[in-house]
N, C-alpha and C. Protein backbone atom coordinates (compact mmCIF):
# COMPACT_ATOMS: atom_id res chain seq x y z
N UNK A 1 12.18 56.56 -73.85
CA UNK A 1 11.83 57.72 -74.26
C UNK A 1 13.12 58.64 -74.40
N UNK A 2 13.90 58.25 -75.31
CA UNK A 2 15.16 58.99 -75.29
C UNK A 2 15.24 59.78 -76.82
N UNK A 3 15.99 60.98 -76.77
CA UNK A 3 15.97 61.74 -78.04
C UNK A 3 17.16 62.57 -77.89
N UNK A 4 17.68 62.93 -79.17
CA UNK A 4 19.16 63.50 -79.06
C UNK A 4 18.68 65.18 -79.48
N UNK A 5 19.14 65.89 -78.72
CA UNK A 5 19.09 67.38 -78.90
C UNK A 5 20.45 68.07 -78.82
N UNK A 6 20.96 67.96 -79.87
CA UNK A 6 22.61 68.43 -79.93
C UNK A 6 23.31 67.23 -79.43
N UNK A 7 24.03 67.53 -78.37
CA UNK A 7 24.76 66.53 -77.64
C UNK A 7 24.27 65.86 -76.44
N UNK A 8 22.87 66.20 -76.11
CA UNK A 8 22.27 66.06 -74.92
C UNK A 8 21.28 64.78 -75.14
N UNK A 9 21.54 63.64 -74.60
CA UNK A 9 20.67 62.54 -74.41
C UNK A 9 19.70 62.70 -73.21
N UNK A 10 18.46 62.58 -73.50
CA UNK A 10 17.35 62.88 -72.49
C UNK A 10 16.28 61.84 -72.37
N UNK A 11 16.27 61.38 -71.20
CA UNK A 11 15.37 60.53 -70.67
C UNK A 11 14.28 61.22 -69.50
N UNK A 12 13.06 60.56 -69.43
CA UNK A 12 12.05 61.13 -68.36
C UNK A 12 11.87 60.10 -67.22
N UNK A 13 11.91 60.50 -66.09
CA UNK A 13 11.21 59.68 -64.86
C UNK A 13 10.12 60.47 -64.33
N UNK A 14 9.09 59.84 -63.92
CA UNK A 14 7.94 60.41 -63.26
C UNK A 14 7.82 59.71 -61.87
N UNK A 15 7.97 60.85 -60.71
CA UNK A 15 8.05 60.24 -59.52
C UNK A 15 7.29 60.90 -58.36
N UNK A 16 6.56 60.13 -57.70
CA UNK A 16 5.66 60.79 -56.65
C UNK A 16 6.01 60.41 -55.06
N UNK A 17 6.48 61.49 -54.63
CA UNK A 17 6.88 61.37 -53.27
C UNK A 17 6.16 62.15 -52.16
N UNK A 18 4.87 62.47 -52.39
CA UNK A 18 4.18 63.45 -51.61
C UNK A 18 4.49 64.79 -52.14
N UNK A 19 4.44 65.65 -51.32
CA UNK A 19 4.43 66.91 -51.81
C UNK A 19 5.71 67.34 -52.99
N UNK A 20 5.17 67.80 -54.22
CA UNK A 20 6.12 67.86 -55.21
C UNK A 20 7.03 69.11 -55.13
N UNK A 21 6.89 70.04 -54.35
CA UNK A 21 7.73 70.94 -54.25
C UNK A 21 9.01 70.79 -53.73
N UNK A 22 9.02 69.88 -52.41
CA UNK A 22 10.40 69.75 -52.15
C UNK A 22 11.06 68.61 -52.88
N UNK A 23 10.24 67.70 -53.52
CA UNK A 23 10.83 66.57 -54.24
C UNK A 23 11.53 67.15 -55.60
N UNK A 24 10.74 68.32 -56.08
CA UNK A 24 11.38 68.95 -57.19
C UNK A 24 12.69 69.37 -57.02
N UNK A 25 12.91 70.30 -55.77
CA UNK A 25 13.95 71.04 -55.53
C UNK A 25 15.21 69.90 -55.25
N UNK A 26 14.93 68.90 -54.64
CA UNK A 26 15.99 67.91 -54.19
C UNK A 26 16.33 67.16 -55.51
N UNK A 27 15.50 67.04 -56.51
CA UNK A 27 16.02 66.05 -57.87
C UNK A 27 16.62 67.30 -58.67
N UNK A 28 16.26 68.55 -58.56
CA UNK A 28 17.05 69.46 -59.45
C UNK A 28 18.38 69.68 -59.12
N UNK A 29 18.80 69.35 -57.77
CA UNK A 29 20.28 69.59 -57.26
C UNK A 29 21.06 68.30 -57.85
N UNK A 30 20.52 67.14 -58.23
CA UNK A 30 21.25 66.13 -58.65
C UNK A 30 22.04 66.44 -59.95
N UNK A 31 23.20 66.09 -60.06
CA UNK A 31 24.03 66.21 -61.28
C UNK A 31 23.61 65.15 -62.36
N UNK A 32 23.26 65.55 -63.71
CA UNK A 32 22.70 64.91 -64.69
C UNK A 32 21.34 65.12 -64.76
N UNK A 33 20.81 65.76 -63.82
CA UNK A 33 19.14 66.06 -63.98
C UNK A 33 19.06 67.52 -64.96
N UNK A 34 18.60 67.44 -65.96
CA UNK A 34 18.53 68.44 -67.02
C UNK A 34 17.38 69.45 -66.85
N UNK A 35 16.22 69.05 -66.12
CA UNK A 35 15.10 69.86 -65.91
C UNK A 35 14.08 69.13 -65.17
N UNK A 36 13.15 69.78 -64.79
CA UNK A 36 12.01 69.26 -63.70
C UNK A 36 10.83 70.00 -64.04
N UNK A 37 9.65 69.37 -63.71
CA UNK A 37 8.20 70.00 -63.81
C UNK A 37 7.54 69.20 -62.77
N UNK A 38 6.76 69.95 -61.97
CA UNK A 38 5.81 69.43 -61.12
C UNK A 38 4.51 69.35 -61.83
N UNK A 39 3.72 68.44 -61.38
CA UNK A 39 2.24 68.12 -61.95
C UNK A 39 1.61 67.10 -61.31
N UNK A 40 0.67 66.47 -62.03
CA UNK A 40 -0.21 65.44 -61.50
C UNK A 40 -0.28 64.29 -62.63
N UNK A 41 -0.14 63.15 -62.24
CA UNK A 41 0.03 61.88 -63.01
C UNK A 41 -1.07 60.88 -62.68
N UNK A 42 -1.47 60.19 -63.57
CA UNK A 42 -2.29 58.97 -63.42
C UNK A 42 -2.07 57.91 -64.08
N UNK A 43 -2.27 56.65 -63.66
CA UNK A 43 -1.94 55.42 -64.57
C UNK A 43 -2.96 55.10 -65.77
N UNK A 44 -2.60 54.48 -66.76
CA UNK A 44 -3.69 54.03 -67.87
C UNK A 44 -4.20 52.90 -67.19
N UNK A 45 -4.43 52.48 -66.06
CA UNK A 45 -4.92 51.24 -65.58
C UNK A 45 -6.34 51.66 -65.13
N UNK A 46 -6.90 52.58 -65.33
CA UNK A 46 -8.28 53.27 -65.07
C UNK A 46 -8.50 53.74 -63.74
N UNK A 47 -7.32 54.08 -63.02
CA UNK A 47 -7.43 54.67 -61.61
C UNK A 47 -7.47 56.20 -61.99
N UNK A 48 -8.91 56.84 -61.56
CA UNK A 48 -8.92 58.29 -61.57
C UNK A 48 -8.01 59.10 -60.89
N UNK A 49 -7.36 58.65 -59.80
CA UNK A 49 -6.62 59.48 -58.97
C UNK A 49 -5.52 60.30 -59.68
N UNK A 50 -5.35 61.61 -59.55
CA UNK A 50 -4.19 62.24 -59.87
C UNK A 50 -3.11 62.19 -58.68
N UNK A 51 -1.99 61.98 -58.97
CA UNK A 51 -1.04 61.97 -57.87
C UNK A 51 -0.25 62.90 -58.27
N UNK A 52 0.51 63.67 -57.04
CA UNK A 52 1.50 64.90 -57.14
C UNK A 52 2.81 64.28 -57.66
N UNK A 53 3.35 64.59 -58.55
CA UNK A 53 4.50 64.06 -59.12
C UNK A 53 5.62 65.06 -59.46
N UNK A 54 6.81 64.53 -59.68
CA UNK A 54 7.94 65.40 -60.45
C UNK A 54 8.28 64.72 -61.68
N UNK A 55 8.22 65.56 -62.97
CA UNK A 55 8.61 64.91 -64.03
C UNK A 55 9.96 65.47 -64.24
N UNK A 56 11.03 64.37 -64.12
CA UNK A 56 12.57 64.66 -64.17
C UNK A 56 13.14 64.25 -65.67
N UNK A 57 13.51 65.22 -66.50
CA UNK A 57 14.48 65.16 -67.40
C UNK A 57 15.93 64.99 -67.12
N UNK A 58 16.45 63.64 -67.43
CA UNK A 58 17.75 63.58 -67.24
C UNK A 58 18.61 62.80 -68.28
N UNK A 59 20.00 63.04 -68.26
CA UNK A 59 20.98 62.51 -69.11
C UNK A 59 21.39 61.21 -68.52
N UNK A 60 20.88 60.07 -69.11
CA UNK A 60 21.41 58.70 -68.69
C UNK A 60 22.88 58.34 -68.59
N UNK A 61 23.73 59.17 -69.42
CA UNK A 61 25.22 59.00 -69.29
C UNK A 61 25.63 59.55 -68.14
N UNK A 62 24.88 60.60 -67.32
CA UNK A 62 25.31 61.09 -66.33
C UNK A 62 24.84 60.67 -65.02
N UNK A 63 23.42 60.27 -64.94
CA UNK A 63 22.74 59.86 -63.95
C UNK A 63 21.81 58.66 -64.30
N UNK A 64 21.64 57.67 -63.66
CA UNK A 64 20.77 56.56 -64.26
C UNK A 64 19.54 56.64 -63.55
N UNK A 65 18.37 55.80 -64.01
CA UNK A 65 17.21 55.76 -63.79
C UNK A 65 17.17 55.27 -62.25
N UNK A 66 18.07 54.11 -62.18
CA UNK A 66 18.27 53.58 -60.98
C UNK A 66 18.66 54.45 -59.64
N UNK A 67 19.60 55.14 -60.23
CA UNK A 67 20.11 56.28 -59.17
C UNK A 67 18.82 57.13 -58.84
N UNK A 68 18.09 57.69 -59.65
CA UNK A 68 16.97 58.40 -59.44
C UNK A 68 15.98 57.90 -58.45
N UNK A 69 15.90 56.61 -58.76
CA UNK A 69 14.88 55.89 -57.78
C UNK A 69 15.34 55.67 -56.56
N UNK A 70 16.75 55.48 -56.34
CA UNK A 70 17.47 55.47 -54.98
C UNK A 70 17.45 56.69 -54.14
N UNK A 71 17.50 57.79 -54.83
CA UNK A 71 17.23 59.23 -54.22
C UNK A 71 15.68 59.29 -53.83
N UNK A 72 14.78 58.82 -54.75
CA UNK A 72 13.45 59.03 -54.44
C UNK A 72 13.19 58.30 -53.11
N UNK A 73 13.65 56.97 -52.79
CA UNK A 73 13.49 56.23 -51.54
C UNK A 73 13.89 57.33 -50.37
N UNK A 74 14.76 58.12 -50.37
CA UNK A 74 15.26 58.94 -49.45
C UNK A 74 14.39 60.29 -49.10
N UNK A 75 13.62 60.53 -49.99
CA UNK A 75 12.91 61.71 -49.85
C UNK A 75 11.57 61.78 -49.23
N UNK A 76 11.09 60.40 -48.94
CA UNK A 76 9.85 60.26 -48.16
C UNK A 76 9.73 58.97 -47.55
N UNK A 77 8.56 58.85 -46.88
CA UNK A 77 8.37 57.25 -46.15
C UNK A 77 7.73 56.35 -47.33
N UNK A 78 8.27 55.55 -47.90
CA UNK A 78 7.60 54.65 -48.94
C UNK A 78 6.91 53.50 -48.48
N UNK A 79 6.73 53.46 -47.20
CA UNK A 79 5.77 52.61 -46.46
C UNK A 79 4.39 53.04 -46.15
N UNK A 80 4.36 54.48 -46.30
CA UNK A 80 3.15 55.00 -45.86
C UNK A 80 2.07 55.07 -46.98
N UNK A 81 0.81 54.76 -46.69
CA UNK A 81 -0.18 54.73 -47.85
C UNK A 81 -0.94 55.98 -47.67
N UNK A 82 -0.85 56.76 -49.05
CA UNK A 82 -1.68 58.04 -49.06
C UNK A 82 -1.40 59.02 -47.85
N UNK A 83 -0.18 59.10 -47.57
CA UNK A 83 0.19 60.15 -46.65
C UNK A 83 1.77 60.37 -46.55
N UNK A 84 2.03 61.76 -46.59
CA UNK A 84 3.51 62.06 -46.43
C UNK A 84 3.62 63.12 -45.44
N UNK A 85 4.10 63.20 -44.37
CA UNK A 85 4.00 64.24 -43.43
C UNK A 85 2.75 64.59 -43.23
N UNK A 86 2.35 65.94 -43.21
CA UNK A 86 0.97 66.28 -42.93
C UNK A 86 0.15 66.27 -44.09
N UNK A 87 0.72 65.89 -45.27
CA UNK A 87 -0.10 65.71 -46.41
C UNK A 87 -0.93 64.54 -46.37
N UNK A 88 -2.31 64.47 -46.40
CA UNK A 88 -3.05 63.21 -46.42
C UNK A 88 -4.11 63.16 -47.69
N UNK A 89 -4.08 61.97 -48.24
CA UNK A 89 -4.97 61.73 -49.20
C UNK A 89 -4.27 60.93 -50.35
N UNK A 90 -5.14 60.55 -51.35
CA UNK A 90 -4.59 59.51 -52.43
C UNK A 90 -3.72 60.34 -53.35
N UNK A 91 -3.73 61.65 -53.39
CA UNK A 91 -2.92 62.27 -54.27
C UNK A 91 -1.44 62.50 -53.85
N UNK A 92 -1.21 61.96 -52.43
CA UNK A 92 0.24 62.03 -51.88
C UNK A 92 0.72 60.74 -51.93
N UNK A 93 0.26 59.62 -52.49
CA UNK A 93 0.76 58.44 -52.25
C UNK A 93 2.19 58.29 -53.06
N UNK A 94 2.85 57.39 -52.51
CA UNK A 94 4.12 57.06 -53.24
C UNK A 94 4.05 56.28 -54.35
N UNK A 95 4.66 56.86 -55.43
CA UNK A 95 4.27 56.30 -56.81
C UNK A 95 5.78 56.30 -57.74
N UNK A 96 5.77 55.42 -58.49
CA UNK A 96 6.69 55.36 -59.54
C UNK A 96 5.97 55.05 -60.75
N UNK A 97 5.81 55.97 -61.85
CA UNK A 97 5.22 55.86 -63.12
C UNK A 97 6.33 55.59 -64.20
N UNK A 98 6.12 54.26 -64.79
CA UNK A 98 7.11 53.98 -65.84
C UNK A 98 6.69 54.41 -67.25
N UNK A 99 7.72 54.61 -68.18
CA UNK A 99 7.26 54.89 -69.63
C UNK A 99 7.92 54.02 -70.60
N UNK A 100 8.65 52.80 -69.97
CA UNK A 100 9.13 51.91 -70.68
C UNK A 100 9.14 50.59 -69.81
N UNK A 101 9.39 49.51 -70.52
CA UNK A 101 9.46 47.96 -69.91
C UNK A 101 10.73 48.15 -69.03
N UNK A 102 11.83 48.91 -69.49
CA UNK A 102 13.22 48.87 -68.75
C UNK A 102 12.92 49.55 -67.28
N UNK A 103 12.33 50.82 -67.49
CA UNK A 103 11.82 51.49 -66.04
C UNK A 103 11.01 50.62 -65.30
N UNK A 104 10.12 49.95 -65.93
CA UNK A 104 9.14 49.17 -64.91
C UNK A 104 10.12 48.14 -64.26
N UNK A 105 11.01 47.37 -64.95
CA UNK A 105 11.85 46.25 -64.36
C UNK A 105 12.73 47.11 -63.35
N UNK A 106 13.30 48.19 -63.63
CA UNK A 106 14.29 48.67 -62.63
C UNK A 106 13.58 49.04 -61.42
N UNK A 107 12.22 49.75 -61.48
CA UNK A 107 11.61 50.05 -60.43
C UNK A 107 11.13 48.84 -59.58
N UNK A 108 10.67 47.91 -60.35
CA UNK A 108 10.40 46.67 -59.26
C UNK A 108 11.46 45.97 -58.66
N UNK A 109 12.46 45.87 -59.28
CA UNK A 109 13.80 45.47 -58.72
C UNK A 109 14.24 46.54 -57.46
N UNK A 110 14.37 47.82 -57.84
CA UNK A 110 14.51 48.44 -56.61
C UNK A 110 13.66 48.35 -55.34
N UNK A 111 12.32 48.40 -55.70
CA UNK A 111 11.37 48.28 -54.60
C UNK A 111 11.57 46.87 -53.81
N UNK A 112 11.87 45.80 -54.58
CA UNK A 112 12.26 44.39 -53.94
C UNK A 112 13.49 44.60 -53.36
N UNK A 113 14.40 45.11 -53.67
CA UNK A 113 15.68 45.36 -52.91
C UNK A 113 15.41 46.03 -51.58
N UNK A 114 14.76 47.27 -51.46
CA UNK A 114 14.41 48.20 -50.48
C UNK A 114 13.79 47.35 -49.44
N UNK A 115 12.63 46.53 -49.88
CA UNK A 115 11.99 45.68 -49.04
C UNK A 115 12.87 44.54 -48.40
N UNK A 116 13.58 43.94 -49.22
CA UNK A 116 14.60 42.84 -48.49
C UNK A 116 15.87 43.47 -47.77
N UNK A 117 16.07 44.85 -47.79
CA UNK A 117 17.19 45.27 -47.06
C UNK A 117 17.14 45.27 -45.55
N UNK A 118 15.87 45.24 -45.17
CA UNK A 118 15.62 45.35 -43.62
C UNK A 118 15.87 46.85 -42.99
N UNK A 119 15.82 47.86 -43.87
CA UNK A 119 16.11 49.26 -43.45
C UNK A 119 14.67 49.77 -42.86
N UNK A 120 13.57 49.18 -43.66
CA UNK A 120 12.37 49.69 -43.04
C UNK A 120 11.54 48.75 -42.21
N UNK A 121 10.67 49.35 -41.31
CA UNK A 121 9.98 48.46 -40.34
C UNK A 121 8.60 47.79 -41.02
N UNK A 122 8.21 48.39 -42.17
CA UNK A 122 6.83 48.03 -42.74
C UNK A 122 7.37 47.69 -44.25
N UNK A 123 6.43 47.00 -45.07
CA UNK A 123 6.71 46.77 -46.37
C UNK A 123 6.46 48.21 -47.23
N UNK A 124 7.26 48.18 -48.36
CA UNK A 124 7.15 49.35 -49.05
C UNK A 124 5.74 49.29 -49.92
N UNK A 125 5.01 50.55 -49.76
CA UNK A 125 3.64 50.66 -50.23
C UNK A 125 3.81 51.27 -51.46
N UNK A 126 4.83 51.62 -51.98
CA UNK A 126 4.97 52.68 -53.21
C UNK A 126 4.51 51.65 -54.64
N UNK A 127 3.42 52.39 -55.25
CA UNK A 127 3.03 51.74 -56.43
C UNK A 127 3.78 52.06 -57.74
N UNK A 128 3.74 51.03 -58.63
CA UNK A 128 4.63 51.11 -59.82
C UNK A 128 3.66 51.02 -60.74
N UNK A 129 3.36 52.05 -61.61
CA UNK A 129 2.28 51.83 -62.56
C UNK A 129 2.86 52.50 -64.00
N UNK A 130 2.31 51.95 -65.12
CA UNK A 130 2.40 52.83 -66.36
C UNK A 130 1.98 54.01 -66.25
N UNK A 131 2.89 54.97 -66.98
CA UNK A 131 2.04 56.56 -66.99
C UNK A 131 1.08 56.48 -68.10
N UNK A 132 0.01 57.16 -67.67
CA UNK A 132 -1.25 57.32 -68.63
C UNK A 132 -1.29 58.56 -68.94
N UNK A 133 -0.96 59.68 -68.11
CA UNK A 133 -1.25 60.99 -68.32
C UNK A 133 -0.46 61.71 -67.34
N UNK A 134 0.17 62.75 -67.94
CA UNK A 134 1.07 63.87 -67.00
C UNK A 134 0.34 65.38 -67.31
N UNK A 135 -0.19 65.98 -66.19
CA UNK A 135 -0.64 67.37 -66.36
C UNK A 135 0.19 68.12 -65.64
N UNK A 136 1.03 69.10 -66.22
CA UNK A 136 1.77 70.02 -65.74
C UNK A 136 0.94 70.91 -65.02
N UNK A 137 1.62 71.22 -63.51
CA UNK A 137 1.01 72.13 -62.62
C UNK A 137 0.92 73.64 -63.12
N UNK A 138 0.26 74.56 -62.59
CA UNK A 138 0.38 75.82 -62.90
C UNK A 138 1.82 76.35 -62.61
N UNK A 139 2.09 77.58 -63.42
CA UNK A 139 3.56 78.04 -63.44
C UNK A 139 3.84 78.52 -61.90
N UNK A 140 2.86 78.80 -61.13
CA UNK A 140 3.31 79.27 -59.73
C UNK A 140 3.88 78.11 -59.04
N UNK A 141 3.41 76.94 -59.35
CA UNK A 141 4.05 75.73 -58.53
C UNK A 141 5.28 75.09 -59.18
N UNK A 142 5.68 75.75 -60.07
CA UNK A 142 7.10 75.40 -60.84
C UNK A 142 8.29 75.90 -60.16
N UNK A 143 9.22 75.03 -59.39
CA UNK A 143 10.37 75.60 -58.67
C UNK A 143 10.02 76.50 -57.65
N UNK A 144 8.98 76.05 -57.05
CA UNK A 144 8.24 76.95 -55.85
C UNK A 144 9.05 77.03 -54.99
N UNK A 145 10.02 76.40 -54.22
CA UNK A 145 10.88 76.76 -53.23
C UNK A 145 11.80 77.80 -53.66
N UNK A 146 12.39 77.49 -54.98
CA UNK A 146 13.24 78.54 -55.46
C UNK A 146 12.82 79.89 -55.44
N UNK A 147 11.62 80.17 -55.93
CA UNK A 147 10.73 81.39 -56.09
C UNK A 147 10.49 81.99 -54.68
N UNK A 148 10.02 81.12 -53.70
CA UNK A 148 9.62 81.51 -52.43
C UNK A 148 10.30 81.21 -51.21
N UNK A 149 11.52 80.52 -51.39
CA UNK A 149 12.29 80.15 -50.10
C UNK A 149 11.71 79.33 -49.30
N UNK A 150 12.56 78.81 -48.39
CA UNK A 150 12.16 78.37 -47.17
C UNK A 150 11.55 76.72 -47.61
N UNK A 151 10.83 76.20 -46.69
CA UNK A 151 10.49 74.90 -46.98
C UNK A 151 8.87 74.98 -46.59
N UNK A 152 8.21 74.33 -47.68
CA UNK A 152 6.74 74.28 -47.55
C UNK A 152 6.23 72.89 -47.47
N UNK A 153 6.97 71.92 -47.19
CA UNK A 153 6.36 70.56 -47.12
C UNK A 153 7.47 69.73 -46.40
N UNK A 154 7.12 68.49 -46.00
CA UNK A 154 7.96 67.52 -45.21
C UNK A 154 9.16 67.26 -46.08
N UNK A 155 9.36 67.33 -47.33
CA UNK A 155 10.54 66.73 -47.95
C UNK A 155 11.76 67.74 -47.68
């Protein structure tokens, strides 16, 4: 999913690290990230669960998808199933939604490398799924921490 708008090359990544407010603020701070939106995603594999995610528009000449995934691992506990901090339930699961074969490949390699690194005491539980649907959250949730200050989640 690349397009040209003037001189800007843009791709999208969809990442679920539990609370989307903190994840959005963290991704927005990365050089090469052009824009973000928080919302809910589900796979096209028939799972009805909507997962809290951040949709990240990025310029792949300035930051790679792999670098975004590396950052994603640092934002949450990827070994936890359906829980991040005080947030519990399937909508808080650790998830990477891909929109291309290359993103799927890179996400799978990154998960395998993290598992093999010995950094974690449990296996990575992050699901890697094809994106079926993204629903943008209400405007009040967009850039929530910028608007309200402080920290409202475990990220």
